[in-house]
Each structure stands twice: as structure tokens, then as C-alpha cells.
Protein backbone atom coordinates (compact mmCIF):
# COMPACT_ATOMS: atom_id res chain seq x y z
CA MET A 1 -12.92 46.92 47.22
CA ARG A 2 -12.11 47.63 43.58
CA ARG A 3 -9.07 45.77 42.30
CA LEU A 4 -6.65 47.04 39.69
CA LEU A 5 -4.58 43.88 39.20
CA PRO A 6 -5.30 40.16 38.73
CA PRO A 7 -3.52 37.62 41.01
CA VAL A 8 0.26 38.13 41.10
CA LEU A 9 2.94 35.84 42.56
CA ILE A 10 6.45 37.16 43.27
CA GLU A 11 9.29 35.03 44.63
CA LYS A 12 13.05 35.44 45.07
CA ASP A 13 15.31 32.41 45.21
CA ALA A 14 18.61 31.91 47.02
CA SER A 15 20.60 33.24 44.04
CA GLY A 16 18.88 36.63 44.27
CA THR A 17 16.86 36.15 41.07
CA THR A 18 13.30 37.48 41.24
CA PHE A 19 10.40 35.59 39.62
CA ILE A 20 7.11 37.28 38.74
CA ALA A 21 3.99 35.50 37.48
CA VAL A 22 0.69 37.18 36.60
CA GLU A 23 -2.32 34.92 36.11
CA ARG A 24 -5.00 35.87 33.60
CA HIS A 25 -7.12 33.33 31.73
CA ASP A 26 -9.37 35.43 29.49
CA VAL A 27 -7.30 34.67 26.36
CA PRO A 28 -5.22 31.52 25.54
CA LEU A 29 -1.95 33.46 25.36
CA ALA A 30 1.19 33.59 27.47
CA TYR A 31 4.26 35.80 27.65
CA ALA A 32 7.62 35.29 29.35
CA GLY A 33 10.82 37.27 29.63
CA ILE A 34 14.17 37.60 31.33
CA CYS A 35 16.12 40.73 32.18
CA SER A 36 19.69 40.90 33.47
CA PRO A 37 21.75 43.88 34.66
CA GLY A 38 23.55 45.74 31.88
CA GLY A 39 21.94 47.41 28.90
CA MET A 40 22.55 51.07 28.18
CA SER A 41 24.03 51.71 31.64
CA VAL A 42 27.24 49.90 30.64
CA PRO A 43 29.70 52.24 28.86
CA HIS A 44 29.83 51.28 25.20
CA PRO A 45 30.44 52.77 21.75
CA SER A 46 27.34 54.27 20.18
CA GLY A 47 25.19 51.59 18.56
CA LEU A 48 27.06 48.58 19.99
CA ASN A 49 24.18 47.32 22.13
CA GLU A 50 21.71 47.85 19.31
CA ILE A 51 23.69 45.77 16.83
CA ALA A 52 24.50 43.14 19.47
CA ALA A 53 20.74 42.74 19.93
CA GLY A 54 20.47 42.17 16.18
CA LEU A 55 23.05 39.39 16.37
CA LEU A 56 21.29 37.84 19.36
CA SER A 57 18.03 37.77 17.37
CA GLU A 58 19.67 35.40 14.87
CA GLY A 59 19.03 32.53 17.28
CA SER A 60 20.80 30.00 19.48
CA SER A 61 23.87 27.96 18.64
CA LYS A 62 21.73 24.81 18.42
CA THR A 63 20.61 25.65 14.89
CA ASP A 64 21.15 28.08 12.02
CA SER A 65 19.26 31.34 11.52
CA LEU A 66 16.84 29.99 8.91
CA ARG A 67 15.80 26.98 10.98
CA TRP A 68 15.52 29.20 14.06
CA ARG A 69 13.19 31.65 12.33
CA THR A 70 11.20 28.83 10.71
CA HIS A 71 10.67 27.20 14.11
CA LEU A 72 9.42 30.44 15.66
CA ASP A 73 7.20 31.18 12.68
CA ARG A 74 5.68 27.70 12.55
CA HIS A 75 4.58 27.87 16.18
CA ALA A 76 3.59 31.58 16.08
CA ILE A 77 6.19 32.47 18.70
CA GLY A 78 7.13 36.11 18.86
CA LEU A 79 10.62 36.80 20.22
CA SER A 80 12.41 40.10 20.78
CA VAL A 81 15.74 41.15 22.30
CA TRP A 82 16.54 44.65 23.49
CA PRO A 83 18.80 46.69 25.78
CA SER A 84 16.99 49.12 28.09
CA GLU A 85 18.25 51.63 30.66
CA ILE A 86 19.93 49.13 32.99
CA PHE A 87 18.85 45.72 31.67
CA TRP A 88 19.31 43.33 28.79
CA SER A 89 15.93 41.70 28.02
CA ILE A 90 14.44 38.88 25.97
CA GLY A 91 10.67 38.42 25.63
CA VAL A 92 8.58 35.68 24.02
CA ASP A 93 4.85 35.43 23.45
CA SER A 94 2.90 32.44 22.21
CA LEU A 95 -0.28 30.44 22.50
CA SER A 96 -0.48 28.98 25.99
CA ILE A 97 -0.28 25.42 24.60
CA ASP A 98 3.15 26.30 23.12
CA PHE A 99 4.35 28.24 26.16
CA SER A 100 6.97 25.75 27.35
CA MET A 101 8.37 25.57 23.81
CA ALA A 102 8.64 29.38 23.69
CA VAL A 103 10.39 29.47 27.08
CA ASP A 104 12.87 26.81 25.92
CA ALA A 105 13.68 28.91 22.84
CA MET A 106 14.28 31.96 25.04
CA ALA A 107 16.48 29.96 27.43
CA ASP A 108 18.55 28.52 24.57
CA LEU A 109 19.12 32.00 23.19
CA ALA A 110 20.10 33.48 26.57
CA ALA A 111 22.49 30.64 27.41
CA SER A 112 24.10 30.02 24.03
CA PRO A 113 23.47 32.64 21.32
CA ARG A 114 24.75 31.86 17.84
CA MET A 115 26.04 35.41 17.07
CA PRO A 116 26.85 34.61 13.40
CA GLN A 117 29.65 36.67 11.87
CA SER A 118 28.13 35.91 8.44
CA GLU A 119 25.27 38.32 9.28
CA TRP A 120 27.54 41.16 10.38
CA LYS A 121 27.72 43.12 7.13
CA ARG A 122 23.97 42.85 6.58
CA LEU A 123 23.19 44.05 10.10
CA VAL A 124 25.61 46.97 9.83
CA LYS A 125 24.07 48.03 6.53
CA GLU A 126 20.53 47.74 7.92
CA ARG A 127 21.39 49.79 11.00
CA GLU A 128 23.19 52.45 8.95
CA THR A 129 20.20 52.77 6.60
CA ALA A 130 17.74 52.91 9.49
CA ALA A 131 19.84 55.53 11.31
CA ALA A 132 20.08 57.74 8.20
CA SER A 133 16.30 57.59 7.82
CA ALA A 134 15.52 58.18 11.51
CA TRP A 135 17.77 61.22 11.74
CA ARG A 136 15.59 62.94 9.14
CA SER A 137 12.56 62.83 11.44
CA PRO A 138 11.98 66.00 13.51
CA GLN A 139 10.45 64.01 16.37
CA PHE A 140 13.37 61.56 16.48
CA ILE A 141 15.85 64.43 16.41
CA LEU A 142 14.04 66.27 19.20
CA HIS A 143 13.88 63.19 21.39
CA TRP A 144 17.58 62.41 21.26
CA MET A 145 19.12 65.86 20.93
CA SER A 146 17.13 67.30 23.84
CA GLN A 147 18.29 64.40 26.07
CA ILE A 148 21.91 64.72 24.94
CA GLN A 149 21.71 68.48 25.48
CA LEU A 150 20.47 68.10 29.05
CA LEU A 151 22.14 64.89 30.25
CA GLY A 152 25.37 64.75 28.24
CA ARG A 153 26.37 62.32 25.55
CA GLY A 154 27.03 58.82 26.86
CA HIS A 155 24.32 58.93 29.54
CA ALA A 156 22.13 55.78 29.39
CA ASN A 157 19.25 57.89 28.07
CA ALA A 158 21.38 59.89 25.65
CA ALA A 159 23.20 57.29 23.56
CA PRO A 160 21.51 56.90 20.16
CA GLY A 161 22.93 55.04 17.21
CA VAL A 162 24.42 57.52 14.75
CA VAL A 163 25.14 57.55 11.04
CA GLY A 164 28.58 56.10 10.44
CA GLY A 165 28.76 54.76 13.99
CA PHE A 166 27.78 51.20 13.09
CA LYS A 167 30.49 50.99 10.42
CA ALA A 168 33.10 51.77 13.06
CA LEU A 169 32.04 48.92 15.34
CA LYS A 170 33.87 45.59 15.54
CA PHE A 171 32.15 42.23 15.34
CA GLU A 172 34.26 40.90 18.22
CA ASP A 173 32.97 43.59 20.58
CA ALA A 174 29.35 43.00 19.61
CA GLU A 175 29.79 39.24 19.95
CA LYS A 176 31.23 39.57 23.45
CA THR A 177 28.45 41.95 24.45
CA GLY A 178 25.77 39.52 23.30
CA ARG A 179 27.33 36.41 24.79
CA THR A 180 27.65 38.02 28.24
CA ALA A 181 24.29 39.83 28.23
CA PHE A 182 22.23 37.38 30.28
CA GLY A 183 22.81 35.90 33.70
CA TYR A 184 21.10 34.42 36.76
CA GLY A 185 21.39 35.99 40.18
CA PRO A 186 21.18 39.37 41.95
CA GLY A 187 19.39 42.02 39.92
CA ALA A 188 17.97 39.54 37.40
CA ALA A 189 14.23 39.00 36.95
CA ILE A 190 12.37 36.25 35.08
CA TYR A 191 8.68 36.77 34.54
CA ALA A 192 5.58 35.37 32.88
CA CYS A 193 1.93 36.29 32.45
CA GLY A 194 -1.27 35.16 30.81
CA ASP A 195 -3.00 31.78 30.71
CA ILE A 196 -0.62 30.13 33.19
CA ASP A 197 -0.49 28.55 36.63
CA PRO A 198 1.78 30.98 38.56
CA ALA A 199 3.37 28.50 40.98
CA LYS A 200 4.03 25.85 38.34
CA THR A 201 5.32 28.46 35.93
CA ILE A 202 7.84 29.87 38.41
CA ASP A 203 9.10 26.34 39.13
CA MET A 204 9.51 25.76 35.40
CA LEU A 205 11.32 29.08 34.88
CA ARG A 206 13.66 28.38 37.80
CA GLN A 207 14.61 24.97 36.46
CA THR A 208 15.00 26.25 32.90
CA PHE A 209 17.22 29.26 33.61
CA SER A 210 19.27 28.23 36.65
CA ASN A 211 22.15 27.05 34.43
CA LEU A 212 22.85 30.58 33.22
CA PRO A 213 26.10 32.18 34.44
CA SER A 214 26.01 34.58 37.36
CA THR A 215 24.84 38.08 36.60
CA ARG A 216 27.27 40.95 36.35
CA LYS A 217 27.27 43.35 39.26
CA LEU A 218 24.63 46.04 39.30
CA LEU A 219 26.30 49.31 38.34
CA PRO A 220 25.72 52.40 40.48
CA LEU A 221 23.37 54.90 38.90
CA ARG A 222 25.32 57.60 37.17
CA GLU A 223 24.75 61.14 38.35
CA PRO A 224 24.38 63.25 35.20
CA ARG A 225 25.98 66.61 34.79
CA TYR A 226 23.18 69.05 34.11
CA PHE A 227 24.38 71.61 31.63
CA ARG A 228 23.68 75.32 31.64
CA PRO A 229 20.66 76.45 29.58
CA THR A 230 21.56 76.39 25.89
CA THR A 231 19.85 76.49 22.51
CA TRP A 232 20.48 73.94 19.77
CA ILE A 233 19.06 74.46 16.30
CA VAL A 234 18.91 71.68 13.73
CA ASP A 235 18.68 73.68 10.52
CA ALA A 236 16.06 72.14 8.21
CA PRO A 237 14.27 73.63 5.18
CA MET A 238 10.64 73.54 6.29
CA SER A 239 7.81 75.99 6.94
CA GLN A 240 7.27 74.88 10.54
CA VAL A 241 9.49 74.61 13.59
CA PHE A 242 9.42 71.66 16.00
CA PHE A 243 10.81 72.29 19.46
CA ALA A 244 11.44 70.75 22.88
CA ILE A 245 11.79 72.63 26.16
CA SER A 246 13.65 70.50 28.73
CA ARG A 247 14.54 70.65 32.40
CA ARG A 248 15.74 68.20 35.02
CA GLY A 249 13.17 65.46 35.63
CA ILE A 250 12.84 62.67 38.19
CA ARG A 251 13.78 59.04 38.75
CA ARG A 252 11.71 55.96 39.50
CA GLY A 253 10.48 55.69 43.08
CA ASP A 254 10.37 59.42 43.81
CA PRO A 255 8.56 59.94 47.14
CA ASP A 256 6.39 62.66 45.56
CA ARG A 257 5.57 60.59 42.44
CA LEU A 258 1.77 60.76 42.76
CA ALA A 259 1.74 64.55 43.01
CA LEU A 260 4.32 64.76 40.21
CA ARG A 261 2.18 62.58 37.93
CA LEU A 262 -0.83 64.74 38.60
CA PHE A 263 1.24 67.87 37.95
CA ASN A 264 2.29 66.54 34.54
CA ARG A 265 -1.27 65.48 33.70
CA ALA A 266 -2.66 68.88 34.66
CA LEU A 267 0.07 70.76 32.80
CA GLY A 268 0.29 68.94 29.48
CA GLY A 269 -1.12 65.44 29.71
CA GLY A 270 -4.37 65.69 27.78
CA PHE A 271 -7.11 67.80 26.24
CA SER A 272 -8.05 69.28 29.62
CA SER A 273 -4.46 70.26 30.51
CA ARG A 274 -3.38 73.87 31.02
CA LEU A 275 -0.91 73.93 28.11
CA PHE A 276 -3.30 72.30 25.66
CA ARG A 277 -6.17 74.63 26.51
CA SER A 278 -4.14 77.83 26.69
CA THR A 279 -1.86 77.19 23.71
CA ARG A 280 -4.13 75.41 21.26
CA GLU A 281 -7.66 76.41 22.18
CA GLU A 282 -7.09 79.99 23.36
CA PHE A 283 -3.83 81.05 21.70
CA GLY A 284 -4.44 79.01 18.55
CA GLN A 285 -0.82 78.62 17.42
CA THR A 286 -0.47 74.82 17.29
CA TYR A 287 -2.49 71.64 16.84
CA HIS A 288 -0.74 69.79 19.61
CA ILE A 289 1.38 70.38 22.69
CA SER A 290 2.24 67.99 25.51
CA SER A 291 4.53 67.55 28.49
CA SER A 292 6.27 64.40 29.71
CA LEU A 293 7.78 63.44 33.04
CA SER A 294 9.12 59.90 32.68
CA GLU A 295 10.11 57.72 35.63
CA GLY A 296 13.11 55.49 35.02
CA HIS A 297 16.20 54.19 36.81
CA GLN A 298 18.34 56.90 35.26
CA ASP A 299 17.33 60.53 34.89
CA HIS A 300 14.90 61.55 32.16
CA PRO A 301 14.21 65.17 31.24
CA PHE A 302 10.96 66.91 32.03
CA SER A 303 10.01 67.98 28.54
CA ILE A 304 7.42 70.07 26.70
CA ARG A 305 7.13 69.49 22.95
CA SER A 306 5.16 71.20 20.24
CA PHE A 307 5.39 72.78 16.78
CA THR A 308 4.17 75.94 15.10
CA GLU A 309 4.63 78.16 12.05
CA THR A 310 8.14 79.62 12.01
CA ASP A 311 6.98 83.24 12.22
CA LYS A 312 4.92 82.40 15.33
CA LEU A 313 7.85 80.88 17.25
CA GLY A 314 8.61 83.92 19.39
CA ALA A 315 5.01 84.40 20.47
CA MET A 316 4.64 80.68 21.10
CA LEU A 317 7.71 80.45 23.35
CA TYR A 318 6.65 83.55 25.25
CA HIS A 319 3.14 82.17 25.75
CA ILE A 320 4.48 78.84 27.07
CA TYR A 321 6.89 80.65 29.41
CA LYS A 322 4.05 82.86 30.66
CA THR A 323 1.87 79.81 31.26
CA LEU A 324 4.62 78.03 33.19
CA LEU A 325 5.23 81.15 35.26
CA GLU A 326 1.55 81.30 36.18
CA VAL A 327 1.49 77.63 37.15
CA ARG A 328 4.62 77.96 39.26
CA ASP A 329 3.52 81.12 41.07
CA ASP A 330 -0.26 80.64 41.30
CA GLY A 331 -0.67 76.90 40.95
CA PHE A 332 -3.46 74.90 39.37
CA THR A 333 -7.11 75.41 40.21
CA GLU A 334 -9.02 72.75 42.09
CA GLU A 335 -11.00 72.10 38.91
CA GLU A 336 -7.81 71.41 36.93
CA ILE A 337 -6.43 69.08 39.57
CA ASP A 338 -9.73 67.26 39.89
CA ALA A 339 -9.72 66.68 36.12
CA ALA A 340 -6.17 65.34 36.40
CA ARG A 341 -7.17 63.03 39.27
CA GLU A 342 -10.13 61.65 37.34
CA GLY A 343 -8.19 61.27 34.10
CA LEU A 344 -5.14 59.58 35.61
CA SER A 345 -7.19 57.35 37.90
CA GLY A 346 -9.35 56.20 35.00
CA SER A 347 -6.65 55.85 32.35
CA LEU A 348 -4.54 53.39 34.35
CA PRO A 349 -7.12 50.54 34.41
CA LEU A 350 -7.91 51.20 30.75
CA SER A 351 -4.23 50.72 29.92
CA LEU A 352 -4.11 47.32 31.66
CA THR A 353 -6.31 45.41 29.21
CA SER A 354 -3.73 42.83 28.09
CA PRO A 355 -1.70 40.33 30.14
CA THR A 356 1.59 41.92 29.07
CA ALA A 357 0.38 45.40 30.06
CA VAL A 358 -0.42 44.07 33.54
CA LEU A 359 2.96 42.35 33.74
CA TRP A 360 4.88 45.50 32.82
CA HIS A 361 2.93 47.49 35.42
CA VAL A 362 3.85 44.92 38.09
CA PHE A 363 7.44 44.81 36.81
CA ASP A 364 7.73 48.61 36.99
CA GLY A 365 6.51 48.39 40.56
CA TRP A 366 9.12 45.75 41.36
CA GLU A 367 11.83 47.99 39.95
CA SER A 368 10.60 50.73 42.31
CA HIS A 369 10.48 48.29 45.26
CA LEU A 370 6.67 48.38 45.30
CA THR A 371 4.57 45.27 45.91
CA PRO A 372 1.34 44.62 43.96
CA ALA A 373 -0.58 45.61 47.09
CA GLN A 374 1.25 48.95 47.18
CA LEU A 375 0.49 49.50 43.49
CA GLU A 376 -3.19 48.99 44.31
CA GLU A 377 -2.91 51.48 47.17
CA GLU A 378 -1.22 54.04 44.95
CA TRP A 379 -3.99 53.83 42.39
CA LEU A 380 -6.65 54.40 45.04
CA ALA A 381 -4.61 57.21 46.62
CA LEU A 382 -4.49 59.26 43.40
CA ARG A 383 -7.90 60.75 44.15
CA ASP A 384 -6.76 61.88 47.59
CA VAL A 385 -3.64 63.86 46.56
CA SER A 386 -4.22 67.45 47.63
CA ARG A 387 -4.06 70.56 45.51
CA GLU A 388 -1.26 71.83 47.75
CA ALA A 389 0.84 68.74 47.06
CA VAL A 390 0.39 69.03 43.29
CA ASN A 391 1.25 72.73 43.28
CA ALA A 392 4.34 72.02 45.39
CA ALA A 393 5.36 69.45 42.77
CA ALA A 394 4.89 72.10 40.07
CA ARG A 395 7.17 74.53 41.89
CA ARG A 396 9.79 71.81 42.32
CA ILE A 397 9.93 70.85 38.63
CA LEU A 398 9.55 74.30 37.10
CA GLY A 399 12.04 75.90 39.50
CA ASP A 400 13.66 79.04 38.09
CA LEU A 401 12.08 78.36 34.66
CA SER A 402 15.47 78.15 32.93
CA TYR A 403 15.46 75.45 30.27
CA GLN A 404 17.27 73.79 27.43
CA LEU A 405 15.75 74.58 24.03
CA THR A 406 16.06 72.26 21.04
CA LEU A 407 14.57 73.27 17.69
CA VAL A 408 14.22 71.72 14.24
CA GLY A 409 13.43 74.19 11.48
CA PRO A 410 14.86 76.95 9.25
CA GLU A 411 17.69 78.50 11.28
CA GLY A 412 17.70 81.81 9.40
CA LYS A 413 14.06 82.49 10.22
CA MET A 414 14.32 81.47 13.88
CA ARG A 415 17.32 83.39 15.19
CA TYR A 416 15.41 86.66 15.46
CA PHE A 417 12.98 85.07 17.93
CA LEU A 418 15.80 83.65 20.06
CA GLN A 419 17.69 86.83 20.90
CA HIS A 420 16.48 86.66 24.50
CA ARG A 421 18.20 83.32 25.13
CA PRO A 422 20.97 83.89 27.72
CA LEU A 423 23.74 81.80 26.15
CA GLY A 424 25.08 80.92 22.75
CA ILE A 425 23.14 79.17 19.99
CA ALA A 426 24.64 76.12 18.30
CA THR A 427 23.45 75.25 14.79
CA ILE A 428 23.71 71.84 13.12
CA PRO A 429 22.53 71.26 9.51
CA ILE A 430 19.93 68.49 9.33
CA ASN A 431 22.13 66.57 6.88
CA ASP A 432 24.84 66.41 9.55
CA VAL A 433 22.83 65.95 12.74
CA GLY A 434 22.90 62.15 12.55
CA GLN A 435 26.72 62.21 12.71
CA ALA A 436 28.03 62.81 16.22
CA ARG A 437 31.18 64.59 15.06
CA TYR A 438 29.06 67.60 14.13
CA TRP A 439 27.42 67.95 17.54
CA PRO A 440 28.53 70.84 19.81
CA LYS A 441 31.59 69.54 21.66
CA ASP A 442 32.11 72.14 24.35
CA LEU A 443 28.94 71.22 26.21
CA TYR A 444 29.93 67.64 26.96
CA ASP A 445 31.49 66.26 30.08
CA PRO A 446 34.71 64.67 28.73
CA ALA A 447 34.26 61.77 31.14
CA THR A 448 31.19 60.67 29.15
CA TYR A 449 32.99 60.39 25.82
CA MET A 450 33.27 56.96 24.24
């Protein structure tokens, strides 16, 4: 039988910590990481987790920042710290001969971060500059504003750093966040992959990290408030308009996930997809269009994104709506679904060419309570998902075809094409969009305010 994954070992100790080790010896590299409950799911001021991660990256209390960075650089150890949806994570990669040294560096950082106040002003300035630059990018704006518009500000997937937000943060809050980020126990996972011995590696990881404090309690997943269909325009002087159409998506572990993945692939997941063929090849009004249906712990929007000339916006939106209506009511053809089956079934192995890619696939499965054997079964089962199941998934996601619309472009030239939208249109100048105080206030659930 064809195999998708190399050997994988998963263990859980008495504390409730899960250990994952993926063995692969084709290159002399190794990667390890730890994740603990927290991250973006914990209520926090905008940007606090991001800047706390910056402080954590300055190293452990055993040395100063310069010696820390010199040590990592000398041994070619890559180290990163980040908050995700519901976790705080540290990852290290190195040559396999330096693996134990890399793991020790990660453990020192998790247990006793330095969190130097002397770096605070520099980090704030860096984050403010980066935020000001990012909020000029149409794609960045679309990503965050469409999620805020659908999920509400403060949701774990709708909490970007904003211009001016970092200046308002306090060092003491960021320091506390960083020092309490990592723990050992229920909900925590410690993992490794690459040129390693799985059993010996798990023993080493258990001994190295067992002195961490207990993890914080896993927070219940927040149920978002899905807002009524609205239109947000970010007014920008440009000849094109970038837009996102968003609806309620799914969460990790959905029982219909295989059919839903095939639906997304057939709709807007590649050159053979319905939206790409009908909108680019036949309609000819854009160079690119795609759909996304992410699977995470918290809700993600189902989203369609594209761009076009401003005077073609009305025709473009109508054409997309018409295409979605046809898919919902008539479904995909067997040929379209077969192309989606082949493409998705083939692209997964091609994406698992590095040890870390394999590890993240196994880790995603663990988060969804799927064993490596079940991940193998899912991959093989993709080719057997019926057309009826995929079309049922399409009807579920597309629903009544109402949607949130987020646009970046010249507001004066777009309003004419938006007269059919059922509710009010909120406009934000692009120079102000990176500052949360200018965002439409009446659409937010007050309970999500920071």
C-alpha cells in the first residue's frame, strides 16, 4: 500500500503533555518545537502578543542578547517564537549533530526568558514602522479587514497589530505575557522531526522540559457573532480594485472536511477550478481569482479574493455571484470533481517534501484528534468522495449567497457598482485604515472590545 508519511511516534505522559517525533534520515537536519495553550485566544490588547514574542526572541536570562544571537549564529541554529490561534510556540532547527544544543536553547528560553526592558523602545518602533508599511498593502488590508468584518474585532483570527497600538502598550504587560507563555501539561505538545531516533528524542524532550510550570487551562473556543452582510471600502487612489467576498467557514475536524476540501478545490483552488476558468479564461476580467476555506481551531471565513479594473467591478461581482448561484443550484460536473480529486490527492504528497512539512501535517492531525493512520486513510479516501457529497458541501457553504464585501480602491468610482448591496457602505481612507479608531464601530460586539 502507498504510504504518505514516514514513521511517526506519538506519546502522552502522565502530565497530559503530548510528544510527537517524526523520523526521516534523508538530510542531516532536525527540528523541534513546543506549543502551550494561549496565543491569540487569550484576550489581550492589539499587538501585545506580537511584541511579547519580540521580547522572547531576545534570549534566555542565562546570557545577554548579543551572546545569545552569536551562539545561535555560530551553530547555525534557527529559532522563532510566535503566537498562533490557541498556542504559544517556539521552534528550532539545526544540523542533527547540534540538535541537543538547539533543544537546550529552546528549553532555556521557554523556562527563563530574559525579556529585556532595554529593547522595549526599539521593538515598539520596529513594530510601529512595520504596521504602517503593512497597512498600505491591499492584500494585507483585505486579509484582516474581511476577517474583522465577519468575525468581529477581538476574535483570535481578527486581532491584527495596528498603527499607534504598539505605542500604547506597557512593557510590564508584555513581560508578564512572555514569562507565562510556556508550560508543561494538558494541552501542551513538544515535537521533533528529521534525522533523529524517535524514542530517544522523546525521552530527551521529556527530561529537558518537565521542569516547566504547569500549563494554563485550555480556554473554550469562542463562538463568534456573525454580522449581517455589509460593505467596507478602503478608499485608495489606484486604477484597480482589490476585493474579498466572505462568508462563514468551518473549523478543524469538521465531519465533512474531505468533501469541503474538494468543494474549495473545484470552486477556486487552481487553474482547473470553476471560478478561475469562468472569470479569467472566459470572462477575461482578472489575472487571478481564488477561494480559501481554512481549517483552524477558531472560525475562519470562507473567502473569495480577486482584483479587476475599477470600471469592471460591477460586472465582475455579478459574474462571481452568477457562478456561485450555478454551483449551489446545479453543482459541479463529474469532470470538475474528478480534477479536484486528482489535484488534491497529488498535491498533498508533493507538499510533504521536508521533515518540517511532514511534522506540521502530523501536528495538524493531532490537533484534530486524528492519528497518523487516520491521516493516511483520509488521503486515500479523497478519491472516493462522491459528487453528491461535494455538491452538498457546496450548498452548505454557499447557503443563501449573502456575503460580506471588503474592497480596496477608489471609493468614488466604486459606489455606483455597489447600489445593489442591501445595507450601508462604510468607507475608511487608506491613510487611516491601519488605526483602529477609524474602523466602523457599530458593527462590533461590545463584548469583544479590548
